[in-house]
Amino acid sequence: MVNAESLRSYLRLPPDDPEPMDGYLSAALAKARSAGIPHFENNGLYDQFLLQFAGLLYEARSMDPNAADPAKVQMLINSFVLPLRYTAAEVSEE
């Protein structure tokens, strides 16, 4: 399960870094939902998507809400959305 501590570790930030990670994780969860990806428990691909998307947002932090590179965002979404939707379909069939 992805949390603020695992995001800090993924980004190789010290544990005492004051940057609030919860906002980046909330945005990644919202992006997953808007892309049609359901919430998964214990799914490495889903966790990786959340970490990578939250990391992208962290790296693009600034006063400009559109600072994230649109091409990187789209590439990340394309890499994860179809496999995760397929996984969701498989789970719902069981």
PDB file of N, CA and C in Angstrom:
ATOM      1  N   MET A   1       0.843  -1.187   0.000  1.00  0.00           N
ATOM      2  CA  MET A   1       0.000   0.000   0.000  1.00  0.00           C
ATOM      3  C   MET A   1       0.884   1.244   0.000  1.00  0.00           C
ATOM      4  N   VAL A   2       0.542   2.173  -0.839  1.00  0.00           N
ATOM      5  CA  VAL A   2       1.307   3.403  -0.966  1.00  0.00           C
ATOM      6  C   VAL A   2       0.855   4.396   0.100  1.00  0.00           C
ATOM      7  N   ASN A   3       1.822   4.993   0.773  1.00  0.00           N
ATOM      8  CA  ASN A   3       1.532   6.038   1.753  1.00  0.00           C
ATOM      9  C   ASN A   3       2.627   7.094   1.656  1.00  0.00           C
ATOM     10  N   ALA A   4       2.532   8.113   2.490  1.00  0.00           N
ATOM     11  CA  ALA A   4       3.499   9.210   2.432  1.00  0.00           C
ATOM     12  C   ALA A   4       4.922   8.716   2.654  1.00  0.00           C
ATOM     13  N   GLU A   5       5.081   7.777   3.535  1.00  0.00           N
ATOM     14  CA  GLU A   5       6.419   7.249   3.824  1.00  0.00           C
ATOM     15  C   GLU A   5       6.993   6.487   2.630  1.00  0.00           C
ATOM     16  N   SER A   6       6.176   5.679   1.977  1.00  0.00           N
ATOM     17  CA  SER A   6       6.677   4.937   0.816  1.00  0.00           C
ATOM     18  C   SER A   6       6.971   5.879  -0.349  1.00  0.00           C
ATOM     19  N   LEU A   7       6.210   6.975  -0.480  1.00  0.00           N
ATOM     20  CA  LEU A   7       6.500   7.958  -1.516  1.00  0.00           C
ATOM     21  C   LEU A   7       7.820   8.659  -1.230  1.00  0.00           C
ATOM     22  N   ARG A   8       8.051   9.021   0.027  1.00  0.00           N
ATOM     23  CA  ARG A   8       9.346   9.634   0.396  1.00  0.00           C
ATOM     24  C   ARG A   8      10.496   8.692   0.054  1.00  0.00           C
ATOM     25  N   SER A   9      10.323   7.421   0.349  1.00  0.00           N
ATOM     26  CA  SER A   9      11.356   6.431   0.053  1.00  0.00           C
ATOM     27  C   SER A   9      11.563   6.309  -1.458  1.00  0.00           C
ATOM     28  N   TYR A  10      10.474   6.262  -2.222  1.00  0.00           N
ATOM     29  CA  TYR A  10      10.543   6.165  -3.678  1.00  0.00           C
ATOM     30  C   TYR A  10      11.301   7.358  -4.264  1.00  0.00           C
ATOM     31  N   LEU A  11      11.053   8.541  -3.712  1.00  0.00           N
ATOM     32  CA  LEU A  11      11.707   9.762  -4.196  1.00  0.00           C
ATOM     33  C   LEU A  11      13.083   9.983  -3.579  1.00  0.00           C
ATOM     34  N   ARG A  12      13.467   9.073  -2.682  1.00  0.00           N
ATOM     35  CA  ARG A  12      14.749   9.142  -1.970  1.00  0.00           C
ATOM     36  C   ARG A  12      14.892  10.447  -1.177  1.00  0.00           C
ATOM     37  N   LEU A  13      13.807  10.809  -0.510  1.00  0.00           N
ATOM     38  CA  LEU A  13      13.802  11.989   0.351  1.00  0.00           C
ATOM     39  C   LEU A  13      14.051  11.549   1.785  1.00  0.00           C
ATOM     40  N   PRO A  14      14.679  12.393   2.567  1.00  0.00           N
ATOM     41  CA  PRO A  14      14.871  12.030   3.968  1.00  0.00           C
ATOM     42  C   PRO A  14      13.524  12.008   4.698  1.00  0.00           C
ATOM     43  N   PRO A  15      13.409  11.162   5.721  1.00  0.00           N
ATOM     44  CA  PRO A  15      12.132  11.045   6.444  1.00  0.00           C
ATOM     45  C   PRO A  15      11.671  12.356   7.074  1.00  0.00           C
ATOM     46  N   ASP A  16      12.611  13.247   7.364  1.00  0.00           N
ATOM     47  CA  ASP A  16      12.235  14.505   8.006  1.00  0.00           C
ATOM     48  C   ASP A  16      11.975  15.627   6.996  1.00  0.00           C
ATOM     49  N   ASP A  17      11.929  15.311   5.712  1.00  0.00           N
ATOM     50  CA  ASP A  17      11.625  16.322   4.692  1.00  0.00           C
ATOM     51  C   ASP A  17      10.243  16.884   4.978  1.00  0.00           C
ATOM     52  N   PRO A  18      10.106  18.214   5.032  1.00  0.00           N
ATOM     53  CA  PRO A  18       8.820  18.807   5.430  1.00  0.00           C
ATOM     54  C   PRO A  18       7.745  18.801   4.343  1.00  0.00           C
ATOM     55  N   GLU A  19       8.098  18.425   3.130  1.00  0.00           N
ATOM     56  CA  GLU A  19       7.126  18.452   2.034  1.00  0.00           C
ATOM     57  C   GLU A  19       5.974  17.490   2.327  1.00  0.00           C
ATOM     58  N   PRO A  20       4.726  17.984   2.306  1.00  0.00           N
ATOM     59  CA  PRO A  20       3.584  17.100   2.578  1.00  0.00           C
ATOM     60  C   PRO A  20       3.294  16.190   1.386  1.00  0.00           C
ATOM     61  N   MET A  21       3.490  14.912   1.558  1.00  0.00           N
ATOM     62  CA  MET A  21       3.325  13.936   0.476  1.00  0.00           C
ATOM     63  C   MET A  21       1.870  13.546   0.253  1.00  0.00           C
ATOM     64  N   ASP A  22       1.027  13.743   1.259  1.00  0.00           N
ATOM     65  CA  ASP A  22      -0.366  13.316   1.154  1.00  0.00           C
ATOM     66  C   ASP A  22      -1.104  13.990  -0.007  1.00  0.00           C
ATOM     67  N   GLY A  23      -0.776  15.236  -0.273  1.00  0.00           N
ATOM     68  CA  GLY A  23      -1.423  15.947  -1.382  1.00  0.00           C
ATOM     69  C   GLY A  23      -1.087  15.338  -2.729  1.00  0.00           C
ATOM     70  N   TYR A  24       0.166  14.947  -2.907  1.00  0.00           N
ATOM     71  CA  TYR A  24       0.583  14.318  -4.160  1.00  0.00           C
ATOM     72  C   TYR A  24      -0.089  12.952  -4.323  1.00  0.00           C
ATOM     73  N   LEU A  25      -0.196  12.217  -3.230  1.00  0.00           N
ATOM     74  CA  LEU A  25      -0.861  10.916  -3.285  1.00  0.00           C
ATOM     75  C   LEU A  25      -2.354  11.068  -3.573  1.00  0.00           C
ATOM     76  N   SER A  26      -2.985  12.057  -2.965  1.00  0.00           N
ATOM     77  CA  SER A  26      -4.411  12.308  -3.223  1.00  0.00           C
ATOM     78  C   SER A  26      -4.643  12.652  -4.686  1.00  0.00           C
ATOM     79  N   ALA A  27      -3.746  13.455  -5.253  1.00  0.00           N
ATOM     80  CA  ALA A  27      -3.872  13.814  -6.667  1.00  0.00           C
ATOM     81  C   ALA A  27      -3.675  12.587  -7.553  1.00  0.00           C
ATOM     82  N   ALA A  28      -2.735  11.717  -7.196  1.00  0.00           N
ATOM     83  CA  ALA A  28      -2.506  10.494  -7.981  1.00  0.00           C
ATOM     84  C   ALA A  28      -3.729   9.574  -7.904  1.00  0.00           C
ATOM     85  N   LEU A  29      -4.325   9.452  -6.726  1.00  0.00           N
ATOM     86  CA  LEU A  29      -5.542   8.643  -6.576  1.00  0.00           C
ATOM     87  C   LEU A  29      -6.691   9.220  -7.400  1.00  0.00           C
ATOM     88  N   ALA A  30      -6.818  10.540  -7.393  1.00  0.00           N
ATOM     89  CA  ALA A  30      -7.871  11.189  -8.178  1.00  0.00           C
ATOM     90  C   ALA A  30      -7.648  10.959  -9.666  1.00  0.00           C
ATOM     91  N   LYS A  31      -6.401  11.020 -10.102  1.00  0.00           N
ATOM     92  CA  LYS A  31      -6.086  10.785 -11.513  1.00  0.00           C
ATOM     93  C   LYS A  31      -6.414   9.347 -11.889  1.00  0.00           C
ATOM     94  N   ALA A  32      -6.099   8.410 -11.008  1.00  0.00           N
ATOM     95  CA  ALA A  32      -6.412   7.000 -11.274  1.00  0.00           C
ATOM     96  C   ALA A  32      -7.919   6.829 -11.439  1.00  0.00           C
ATOM     97  N   ARG A  33      -8.696   7.411 -10.546  1.00  0.00           N
ATOM     98  CA  ARG A  33     -10.161   7.302 -10.628  1.00  0.00           C
ATOM     99  C   ARG A  33     -10.679   7.930 -11.921  1.00  0.00           C
ATOM    100  N   SER A  34     -10.153   9.114 -12.266  1.00  0.00           N
ATOM    101  CA  SER A  34     -10.649   9.793 -13.473  1.00  0.00           C
ATOM    102  C   SER A  34     -10.248   9.042 -14.739  1.00  0.00           C
ATOM    103  N   ALA A  35      -9.203   8.230 -14.658  1.00  0.00           N
ATOM    104  CA  ALA A  35      -8.771   7.426 -15.809  1.00  0.00           C
ATOM    105  C   ALA A  35      -9.498   6.085 -15.856  1.00  0.00           C
ATOM    106  N   GLY A  36     -10.408   5.864 -14.916  1.00  0.00           N
ATOM    107  CA  GLY A  36     -11.180   4.634 -14.905  1.00  0.00           C
ATOM    108  C   GLY A  36     -10.490   3.467 -14.229  1.00  0.00           C
ATOM    109  N   ILE A  37      -9.486   3.745 -13.422  1.00  0.00           N
ATOM    110  CA  ILE A  37      -8.762   2.699 -12.706  1.00  0.00           C
ATOM    111  C   ILE A  37      -9.377   2.556 -11.321  1.00  0.00           C
ATOM    112  N   PRO A  38      -9.880   1.383 -10.988  1.00  0.00           N
ATOM    113  CA  PRO A  38     -10.440   1.196  -9.647  1.00  0.00           C
ATOM    114  C   PRO A  38      -9.332   1.080  -8.610  1.00  0.00           C
ATOM    115  N   HIS A  39      -9.703   1.225  -7.365  1.00  0.00           N
ATOM    116  CA  HIS A  39      -8.731   1.074  -6.277  1.00  0.00           C
ATOM    117  C   HIS A  39      -8.395  -0.401  -6.101  1.00  0.00           C
ATOM    118  N   PHE A  40      -7.104  -0.706  -6.024  1.00  0.00           N
ATOM    119  CA  PHE A  40      -6.638  -2.072  -5.812  1.00  0.00           C
ATOM    120  C   PHE A  40      -5.890  -2.156  -4.490  1.00  0.00           C
ATOM    121  N   GLU A  41      -6.080  -3.241  -3.800  1.00  0.00           N
ATOM    122  CA  GLU A  41      -5.276  -3.559  -2.624  1.00  0.00           C
ATOM    123  C   GLU A  41      -4.233  -4.593  -3.047  1.00  0.00           C
ATOM    124  N   ASN A  42      -3.021  -4.441  -2.566  1.00  0.00           N
ATOM    125  CA  ASN A  42      -1.964  -5.418  -2.830  1.00  0.00           C
ATOM    126  C   ASN A  42      -1.753  -5.683  -4.317  1.00  0.00           C
ATOM    127  N   ASN A  43      -1.654  -4.619  -5.099  1.00  0.00           N
ATOM    128  CA  ASN A  43      -1.392  -4.741  -6.530  1.00  0.00           C
ATOM    129  C   ASN A  43      -0.177  -3.883  -6.851  1.00  0.00           C
ATOM    130  N   GLY A  44       0.920  -4.533  -7.183  1.00  0.00           N
ATOM    131  CA  GLY A  44       2.172  -3.818  -7.431  1.00  0.00           C
ATOM    132  C   GLY A  44       2.087  -2.832  -8.576  1.00  0.00           C
ATOM    133  N   LEU A  45       1.360  -3.172  -9.631  1.00  0.00           N
ATOM    134  CA  LEU A  45       1.233  -2.272 -10.776  1.00  0.00           C
ATOM    135  C   LEU A  45       0.489  -1.000 -10.384  1.00  0.00           C
ATOM    136  N   TYR A  46      -0.579  -1.157  -9.617  1.00  0.00           N
ATOM    137  CA  TYR A  46      -1.351   0.003  -9.145  1.00  0.00           C
ATOM    138  C   TYR A  46      -0.492   0.878  -8.230  1.00  0.00           C
ATOM    139  N   ASP A  47       0.205   0.238  -7.309  1.00  0.00           N
ATOM    140  CA  ASP A  47       1.079   0.995  -6.408  1.00  0.00           C
ATOM    141  C   ASP A  47       2.160   1.740  -7.185  1.00  0.00           C
ATOM    142  N   GLN A  48       2.711   1.091  -8.211  1.00  0.00           N
ATOM    143  CA  GLN A  48       3.748   1.731  -9.021  1.00  0.00           C
ATOM    144  C   GLN A  48       3.200   2.937  -9.760  1.00  0.00           C
ATOM    145  N   PHE A  49       1.969   2.822 -10.281  1.00  0.00           N
ATOM    146  CA  PHE A  49       1.341   3.963 -10.944  1.00  0.00           C
ATOM    147  C   PHE A  49       1.212   5.137  -9.971  1.00  0.00           C
ATOM    148  N   LEU A  50       0.706   4.846  -8.773  1.00  0.00           N
ATOM    149  CA  LEU A  50       0.533   5.918  -7.787  1.00  0.00           C
ATOM    150  C   LEU A  50       1.856   6.574  -7.435  1.00  0.00           C
ATOM    151  N   LEU A  51       2.894   5.764  -7.215  1.00  0.00           N
ATOM    152  CA  LEU A  51       4.208   6.314  -6.881  1.00  0.00           C
ATOM    153  C   LEU A  51       4.766   7.154  -8.022  1.00  0.00           C
ATOM    154  N   GLN A  52       4.677   6.639  -9.237  1.00  0.00           N
ATOM    155  CA  GLN A  52       5.233   7.378 -10.368  1.00  0.00           C
ATOM    156  C   GLN A  52       4.465   8.661 -10.634  1.00  0.00           C
ATOM    157  N   PHE A  53       3.136   8.604 -10.567  1.00  0.00           N
ATOM    158  CA  PHE A  53       2.360   9.816 -10.834  1.00  0.00           C
ATOM    159  C   PHE A  53       2.557  10.843  -9.727  1.00  0.00           C
ATOM    160  N   ALA A  54       2.520  10.409  -8.472  1.00  0.00           N
ATOM    161  CA  ALA A  54       2.754  11.330  -7.357  1.00  0.00           C
ATOM    162  C   ALA A  54       4.168  11.902  -7.451  1.00  0.00           C
ATOM    163  N   GLY A  55       5.139  11.074  -7.837  1.00  0.00           N
ATOM    164  CA  GLY A  55       6.517  11.548  -8.007  1.00  0.00           C
ATOM    165  C   GLY A  55       6.631  12.580  -9.104  1.00  0.00           C
ATOM    166  N   LEU A  56       5.905  12.373 -10.188  1.00  0.00           N
ATOM    167  CA  LEU A  56       5.898  13.344 -11.282  1.00  0.00           C
ATOM    168  C   LEU A  56       5.345  14.684 -10.811  1.00  0.00           C
ATOM    169  N   LEU A  57       4.272  14.626 -10.036  1.00  0.00           N
ATOM    170  CA  LEU A  57       3.690  15.856  -9.484  1.00  0.00           C
ATOM    171  C   LEU A  57       4.656  16.533  -8.520  1.00  0.00           C
ATOM    172  N   TYR A  58       5.327  15.734  -7.704  1.00  0.00           N
ATOM    173  CA  TYR A  58       6.297  16.289  -6.758  1.00  0.00           C
ATOM    174  C   TYR A  58       7.425  16.995  -7.506  1.00  0.00           C
ATOM    175  N   GLU A  59       7.944  16.347  -8.540  1.00  0.00           N
ATOM    176  CA  GLU A  59       9.053  16.925  -9.289  1.00  0.00           C
ATOM    177  C   GLU A  59       8.644  18.182 -10.045  1.00  0.00           C
ATOM    178  N   ALA A  60       7.363  18.325 -10.355  1.00  0.00           N
ATOM    179  CA  ALA A  60       6.874  19.484 -11.093  1.00  0.00           C
ATOM    180  C   ALA A  60       6.274  20.544 -10.173  1.00  0.00           C
ATOM    181  N   ARG A  61       6.503  20.404  -8.857  1.00  0.00           N
ATOM    182  CA  ARG A  61       5.873  21.327  -7.906  1.00  0.00           C
ATOM    183  C   ARG A  61       6.354  22.761  -8.158  1.00  0.00           C
ATOM    184  N   SER A  62       5.449  23.644  -8.092  1.00  0.00           N
ATOM    185  CA  SER A  62       5.719  25.075  -8.233  1.00  0.00           C
ATOM    186  C   SER A  62       4.388  25.797  -8.042  1.00  0.00           C
ATOM    187  N   MET A  63       4.392  27.052  -8.250  1.00  0.00           N
ATOM    188  CA  MET A  63       3.150  27.815  -8.145  1.00  0.00           C
ATOM    189  C   MET A  63       2.267  27.588  -9.368  1.00  0.00           C
ATOM    190  N   ASP A  64       2.828  27.062 -10.440  1.00  0.00           N
ATOM    191  CA  ASP A  64       2.080  26.826 -11.665  1.00  0.00           C
ATOM    192  C   ASP A  64       1.421  25.452 -11.612  1.00  0.00           C
ATOM    193  N   PRO A  65       0.099  25.372 -11.571  1.00  0.00           N
ATOM    194  CA  PRO A  65      -0.571  24.073 -11.479  1.00  0.00           C
ATOM    195  C   PRO A  65      -0.390  23.214 -12.731  1.00  0.00           C
ATOM    196  N   ASN A  66       0.063  23.811 -13.820  1.00  0.00           N
ATOM    197  CA  ASN A  66       0.267  23.071 -15.064  1.00  0.00           C
ATOM    198  C   ASN A  66       1.738  22.786 -15.322  1.00  0.00           C
ATOM    199  N   ALA A  67       2.542  22.735 -14.258  1.00  0.00           N
ATOM    200  CA  ALA A  67       3.982  22.586 -14.414  1.00  0.00           C
ATOM    201  C   ALA A  67       4.397  21.197 -14.883  1.00  0.00           C
ATOM    202  N   ALA A  68       3.600  20.180 -14.626  1.00  0.00           N
ATOM    203  CA  ALA A  68       3.960  18.825 -15.049  1.00  0.00           C
ATOM    204  C   ALA A  68       3.963  18.753 -16.571  1.00  0.00           C
ATOM    205  N   ASP A  69       4.981  18.129 -17.119  1.00  0.00           N
ATOM    206  CA  ASP A  69       5.120  17.984 -18.562  1.00  0.00           C
ATOM    207  C   ASP A  69       3.975  17.122 -19.100  1.00  0.00           C
ATOM    208  N   PRO A  70       3.118  17.679 -19.945  1.00  0.00           N
ATOM    209  CA  PRO A  70       1.962  16.924 -20.447  1.00  0.00           C
ATOM    210  C   PRO A  70       2.348  15.623 -21.166  1.00  0.00           C
ATOM    211  N   ALA A  71       3.464  15.630 -21.867  1.00  0.00           N
ATOM    212  CA  ALA A  71       3.890  14.416 -22.568  1.00  0.00           C
ATOM    213  C   ALA A  71       4.251  13.311 -21.577  1.00  0.00           C
ATOM    214  N   LYS A  72       4.913  13.680 -20.475  1.00  0.00           N
ATOM    215  CA  LYS A  72       5.264  12.691 -19.452  1.00  0.00           C
ATOM    216  C   LYS A  72       4.012  12.153 -18.772  1.00  0.00           C
ATOM    217  N   VAL A  73       3.084  13.047 -18.497  1.00  0.00           N
ATOM    218  CA  VAL A  73       1.831  12.638 -17.856  1.00  0.00           C
ATOM    219  C   VAL A  73       1.089  11.647 -18.758  1.00  0.00           C
ATOM    220  N   GLN A  74       0.966  11.975 -20.037  1.00  0.00           N
ATOM    221  CA  GLN A  74       0.244  11.099 -20.955  1.00  0.00           C
ATOM    222  C   GLN A  74       0.948   9.761 -21.128  1.00  0.00           C
ATOM    223  N   MET A  75       2.272   9.770 -21.209  1.00  0.00           N
ATOM    224  CA  MET A  75       3.020   8.524 -21.347  1.00  0.00           C
ATOM    225  C   MET A  75       2.824   7.636 -20.120  1.00  0.00           C
ATOM    226  N   LEU A  76       2.844   8.239 -18.951  1.00  0.00           N
ATOM    227  CA  LEU A  76       2.637   7.488 -17.720  1.00  0.00           C
ATOM    228  C   LEU A  76       1.241   6.873 -17.678  1.00  0.00           C
ATOM    229  N   ILE A  77       0.252   7.662 -18.026  1.00  0.00           N
ATOM    230  CA  ILE A  77      -1.120   7.163 -18.029  1.00  0.00           C
ATOM    231  C   ILE A  77      -1.274   6.038 -19.043  1.00  0.00           C
ATOM    232  N   ASN A  78      -0.737   6.230 -20.241  1.00  0.00           N
ATOM    233  CA  ASN A  78      -0.840   5.192 -21.273  1.00  0.00           C
ATOM    234  C   ASN A  78      -0.182   3.892 -20.838  1.00  0.00           C
ATOM    235  N   SER A  79       0.893   3.988 -20.082  1.00  0.00           N
ATOM    236  CA  SER A  79       1.614   2.796 -19.654  1.00  0.00           C
ATOM    237  C   SER A  79       0.843   1.972 -18.630  1.00  0.00           C
ATOM    238  N   PHE A  80      -0.034   2.608 -17.875  1.00  0.00           N
ATOM    239  CA  PHE A  80      -0.681   1.919 -16.763  1.00  0.00           C
ATOM    240  C   PHE A  80      -2.181   1.704 -16.912  1.00  0.00           C
ATOM    241  N   VAL A  81      -2.875   2.576 -17.597  1.00  0.00           N
ATOM    242  CA  VAL A  81      -4.336   2.526 -17.597  1.00  0.00           C
ATOM    243  C   VAL A  81      -4.873   1.218 -18.170  1.00  0.00           C
ATOM    244  N   LEU A  82      -4.446   0.835 -19.364  1.00  0.00           N
ATOM    245  CA  LEU A  82      -4.997  -0.379 -19.964  1.00  0.00           C
ATOM    246  C   LEU A  82      -4.669  -1.630 -19.153  1.00  0.00           C
ATOM    247  N   PRO A  83      -3.410  -1.820 -18.723  1.00  0.00           N
ATOM    248  CA  PRO A  83      -3.156  -3.015 -17.912  1.00  0.00           C
ATOM    249  C   PRO A  83      -3.978  -3.057 -16.625  1.00  0.00           C
ATOM    250  N   LEU A  84      -4.161  -1.907 -15.978  1.00  0.00           N
ATOM    251  CA  LEU A  84      -4.920  -1.895 -14.730  1.00  0.00           C
ATOM    252  C   LEU A  84      -6.416  -2.091 -14.984  1.00  0.00           C
ATOM    253  N   ARG A  85      -6.927  -1.540 -16.066  1.00  0.00           N
ATOM    254  CA  ARG A  85      -8.336  -1.787 -16.395  1.00  0.00           C
ATOM    255  C   ARG A  85      -8.551  -3.256 -16.719  1.00  0.00           C
ATOM    256  N   TYR A  86      -7.607  -3.861 -17.428  1.00  0.00           N
ATOM    257  CA  TYR A  86      -7.695  -5.281 -17.762  1.00  0.00           C
ATOM    258  C   TYR A  86      -7.676  -6.123 -16.482  1.00  0.00           C
ATOM    259  N   THR A  87      -6.804  -5.745 -15.552  1.00  0.00           N
ATOM    260  CA  THR A  87      -6.729  -6.438 -14.263  1.00  0.00           C
ATOM    261  C   THR A  87      -8.060  -6.314 -13.524  1.00  0.00           C
ATOM    262  N   ALA A  88      -8.647  -5.128 -13.566  1.00  0.00           N
ATOM    263  CA  ALA A  88      -9.946  -4.921 -12.895  1.00  0.00           C
ATOM    264  C   ALA A  88     -11.009  -5.806 -13.519  1.00  0.00           C
ATOM    265  N   ALA A  89     -11.000  -5.938 -14.838  1.00  0.00           N
ATOM    266  CA  ALA A  89     -11.986  -6.783 -15.513  1.00  0.00           C
ATOM    267  C   ALA A  89     -11.797  -8.246 -15.110  1.00  0.00           C
ATOM    268  N   GLU A  90     -10.546  -8.687 -15.000  1.00  0.00           N
ATOM    269  CA  GLU A  90     -10.274 -10.058 -14.597  1.00  0.00           C
ATOM    270  C   GLU A  90     -10.758 -10.322 -13.172  1.00  0.00           C
ATOM    271  N   VAL A  91     -10.533  -9.367 -12.282  1.00  0.00           N
ATOM    272  CA  VAL A  91     -10.937  -9.519 -10.882  1.00  0.00           C
ATOM    273  C   VAL A  91     -12.453  -9.572 -10.779  1.00  0.00           C
ATOM    274  N   SER A  92     -13.149  -8.743 -11.544  1.00  0.00           N
ATOM    275  CA  SER A  92     -14.614  -8.721 -11.455  1.00  0.00           C
ATOM    276  C   SER A  92     -15.249  -9.977 -12.031  1.00  0.00           C
ATOM    277  N   GLU A  93     -14.523 -10.680 -12.911  1.00  0.00           N
ATOM    278  CA  GLU A  93     -15.046 -11.924 -13.483  1.00  0.00           C
ATOM    279  C   GLU A  93     -14.923 -13.097 -12.509  1.00  0.00           C
ATOM    280  N   GLU A  94     -14.029 -12.995 -11.545  1.00  0.00           N
ATOM    281  CA  GLU A  94     -13.805 -14.106 -10.598  1.00  0.00           C
ATOM    282  C   GLU A  94     -14.904 -14.230  -9.589  1.00  0.00           C
TER     283      GLU A  94
END
